[in-house]
Amino acid sequence: MPTRSRPAQEFTPQLEFQIAGVRFQNPVWTASGTFGYGKEFAHLIDLNQLGAICVKGISPEPMEGNPPPRIYETDSGMLNAIGLQNVGAKRFLGEKLPFLRTLKARTVVNVFAYSTEDYVRCIEILNEGEGIAAYELNISCPNTRCGGIVYGSDPHLTEEVVAASKKAARHPLFVKLSPNVTDIALFARVAEGAGADALSLVNTFVGMAIDVETRTPRISNITAGLSGPAIKPVALRMVYQAAKAVKIPIIGIGGIAGAEDALEFIIAGARAVQVGTANFYDPGTSLRIVKGIQDYCRRKRLHLADLVGSLRIP
């Protein structure tokens, strides 16, 4: 007797996956720099339902950041030049990590510095902490020892800092790529070749805004990082190109504000996505995206693994 197919409502999609041996319960993460150290949002949403929390960038020593104004809302986006304000690696271990390791959501620590030696030093400090799932290397920083050349816009510097950081890291290393390059696939391959376990892309685009009445910059730093829905089509294209260029997993970032946005990135080749700017105006966005992906997969009778890179080209 032929077996009867199960009703669609009985299908349970599997959203779990692994990167470099680390299990994530779902593909929806919060983006570094938009979610503090996680605890700031604990009274607003259930953090245990997230796949991961990517904490704000951590440097070897504390940093005060840029003077205000350092945030400006644009059409369909936001400019920010916070200046990577943070408590520093040692205080992060003592003050922030204990709370994070009580959660089901994984903790991904974004790391930045202004020299390869300081990237390594920061990671070596963080290696002493328990509860870190992975590092996310922010290479959109200028190398002060090389005349201010941004790590992420020079293939040789990218290779240098990724290789050195990977050698020092006790945990898997994800590399966050800058979009401010002409060939994202090249930098994806360089990072993969230097030892990256996964790639996060994209970071913010360099932009600016001017107050025409005063003829002064809207941001004290003059230029700032553009994020939000305005960058999504370009970020999506870069994720697609990077996913075709490398074999390691991709984490997609850029203007994700709903489940359909996230699904586009996954279909383009991303294994997971990060929600960023939307956290500022709607902290519940990430959890709605988790449910939206579940509902979509249940309706289509697909697991997450079936969706990744499933773009159909006519």
Foldseek 3Di string as FASTA:
>chain_A
DDDDDDPLVPQFFQQWDDFPRDIFRHFEEADAPFCALPPVCVVPDPPQLGRAYEYHEAFQAFDQFDDDPAWDDDVQWIWGRRRSGDHHQQCCQVPRQVVQQVHNHAYEYEYEDQALVRSLSSQLSNQPHPRHAEYEYEQQFFNVVVVGHGQQADLVSLLVSLLSNQVRHPHAYEYEHEPPYDALQSSLVSNVVSPHREYEDYWFDKDWDADVVVRHTNGPVRIGGIAALVCLVVQLVSLLSNQVNDDHAYEGEGRDQALVSQLSSQLSAHSHYHDGPNCVVPVCRSVRNRVVVRVVCSVVVHYSVCRGNNDDDD
